[in-house]
Amino acid sequence: IPIVPLYKSAPRKVVERDYDVAMELLLELMQKDRAYGNDAGREGLLKVFELLGNDPRVGDYRRRMAKLLY
């Protein structure tokens, strides 16, 4: 998927409460272009993590995000 559709699709998936797909799209955005939209992939993931709170998926996606960062 090209970058702009990734960037536009992720928030739509959050609104639809399809959090797994949203987080996958944001991870893919980070992987393809970290700098896009002032680090929109990472910032978007952090917002979804905050929204999900103690949801068990957050730990998994945090680890995956960390792998891309470091």
C-alpha atoms as a PDB file:
ATOM      1  CA  ILE A   1       0.000   0.000   0.000  1.00  0.00           C
ATOM      2  CA  PRO A   2       1.375   3.459  -0.828  1.00  0.00           C
ATOM      3  CA  ILE A   3       2.076   5.804   2.077  1.00  0.00           C
ATOM      4  CA  VAL A   4      -0.829   8.267   1.755  1.00  0.00           C
ATOM      5  CA  PRO A   5      -3.523   5.543   1.831  1.00  0.00           C
ATOM      6  CA  LEU A   6      -1.832   4.031   4.903  1.00  0.00           C
ATOM      7  CA  TYR A   7      -1.907   7.415   6.597  1.00  0.00           C
ATOM      8  CA  LYS A   8      -5.574   7.984   5.742  1.00  0.00           C
ATOM      9  CA  SER A   9      -6.805   4.446   6.416  1.00  0.00           C
ATOM     10  CA  ALA A  10      -5.463   4.043   9.950  1.00  0.00           C
ATOM     11  CA  PRO A  11      -7.652   6.727  11.608  1.00  0.00           C
ATOM     12  CA  ARG A  12     -10.689   5.381   9.772  1.00  0.00           C
ATOM     13  CA  LYS A  13      -9.978   1.925  11.213  1.00  0.00           C
ATOM     14  CA  VAL A  14      -9.711   3.398  14.720  1.00  0.00           C
ATOM     15  CA  VAL A  15     -13.136   5.034  14.306  1.00  0.00           C
ATOM     16  CA  GLU A  16     -14.483   1.658  13.154  1.00  0.00           C
ATOM     17  CA  ARG A  17     -12.853   0.105  16.265  1.00  0.00           C
ATOM     18  CA  ASP A  18     -10.751  -2.156  14.070  1.00  0.00           C
ATOM     19  CA  TYR A  19      -7.696  -1.485  16.229  1.00  0.00           C
ATOM     20  CA  ASP A  20      -5.560  -4.395  15.036  1.00  0.00           C
ATOM     21  CA  VAL A  21      -5.789  -3.280  11.418  1.00  0.00           C
ATOM     22  CA  ALA A  22      -5.166   0.344  12.420  1.00  0.00           C
ATOM     23  CA  MET A  23      -2.030  -0.610  14.352  1.00  0.00           C
ATOM     24  CA  GLU A  24      -0.782  -2.802  11.487  1.00  0.00           C
ATOM     25  CA  LEU A  25      -1.240   0.098   9.066  1.00  0.00           C
ATOM     26  CA  LEU A  26       0.623   2.458  11.385  1.00  0.00           C
ATOM     27  CA  LEU A  27       3.482  -0.022  11.794  1.00  0.00           C
ATOM     28  CA  GLU A  28       3.670  -0.371   8.020  1.00  0.00           C
ATOM     29  CA  LEU A  29       3.752   3.405   7.687  1.00  0.00           C
ATOM     30  CA  MET A  30       6.647   3.553  10.165  1.00  0.00           C
ATOM     31  CA  GLN A  31       8.485   0.850   8.256  1.00  0.00           C
ATOM     32  CA  LYS A  32       8.058   2.514   4.866  1.00  0.00           C
ATOM     33  CA  ASP A  33       8.804   6.098   5.894  1.00  0.00           C
ATOM     34  CA  ARG A  34       9.577   7.005   9.503  1.00  0.00           C
ATOM     35  CA  ALA A  35       9.576  10.738   8.773  1.00  0.00           C
ATOM     36  CA  TYR A  36       6.233  10.862   6.974  1.00  0.00           C
ATOM     37  CA  GLY A  37       3.854  13.368   8.534  1.00  0.00           C
ATOM     38  CA  ASN A  38       6.271  14.243  11.366  1.00  0.00           C
ATOM     39  CA  ASP A  39       6.498  10.608  12.469  1.00  0.00           C
ATOM     40  CA  ALA A  40       2.757  10.052  12.032  1.00  0.00           C
ATOM     41  CA  GLY A  41       3.061   6.269  12.316  1.00  0.00           C
ATOM     42  CA  ARG A  42       4.645   6.356  15.759  1.00  0.00           C
ATOM     43  CA  GLU A  43       2.436   9.200  16.970  1.00  0.00           C
ATOM     44  CA  GLY A  44      -0.661   7.370  15.753  1.00  0.00           C
ATOM     45  CA  LEU A  45       0.375   4.171  17.505  1.00  0.00           C
ATOM     46  CA  LEU A  46       0.928   6.031  20.771  1.00  0.00           C
ATOM     47  CA  LYS A  47      -2.592   7.487  20.525  1.00  0.00           C
ATOM     48  CA  VAL A  48      -4.097   4.055  19.890  1.00  0.00           C
ATOM     49  CA  PHE A  49      -2.127   2.642  22.848  1.00  0.00           C
ATOM     50  CA  GLU A  50      -3.548   5.391  25.046  1.00  0.00           C
ATOM     51  CA  LEU A  51      -7.046   4.678  23.771  1.00  0.00           C
ATOM     52  CA  LEU A  52      -6.714   0.936  24.441  1.00  0.00           C
ATOM     53  CA  GLY A  53      -5.240   1.394  27.923  1.00  0.00           C
ATOM     54  CA  ASN A  54      -4.467  -1.980  29.534  1.00  0.00           C
ATOM     55  CA  ASP A  55      -5.559  -4.033  26.535  1.00  0.00           C
ATOM     56  CA  PRO A  56      -3.164  -7.002  26.148  1.00  0.00           C
ATOM     57  CA  ARG A  57      -2.526  -6.143  22.483  1.00  0.00           C
ATOM     58  CA  VAL A  58      -0.746  -2.941  23.483  1.00  0.00           C
ATOM     59  CA  GLY A  59       2.330  -4.774  24.813  1.00  0.00           C
ATOM     60  CA  ASP A  60       2.743  -6.744  21.600  1.00  0.00           C
ATOM     61  CA  TYR A  61       2.420  -3.694  19.387  1.00  0.00           C
ATOM     62  CA  ARG A  62       4.749  -1.659  21.642  1.00  0.00           C
ATOM     63  CA  ARG A  63       7.418  -4.345  21.199  1.00  0.00           C
ATOM     64  CA  ARG A  64       6.927  -4.346  17.446  1.00  0.00           C
ATOM     65  CA  MET A  65       7.139  -0.559  17.351  1.00  0.00           C
ATOM     66  CA  ALA A  66      10.337  -0.637  19.435  1.00  0.00           C
ATOM     67  CA  LYS A  67      11.930  -3.057  16.949  1.00  0.00           C
ATOM     68  CA  LEU A  68      11.330  -0.539  14.180  1.00  0.00           C
ATOM     69  CA  LEU A  69      12.693   2.317  16.262  1.00  0.00           C
ATOM     70  CA  TYR A  70      15.911   0.648  17.425  1.00  0.00           C
END
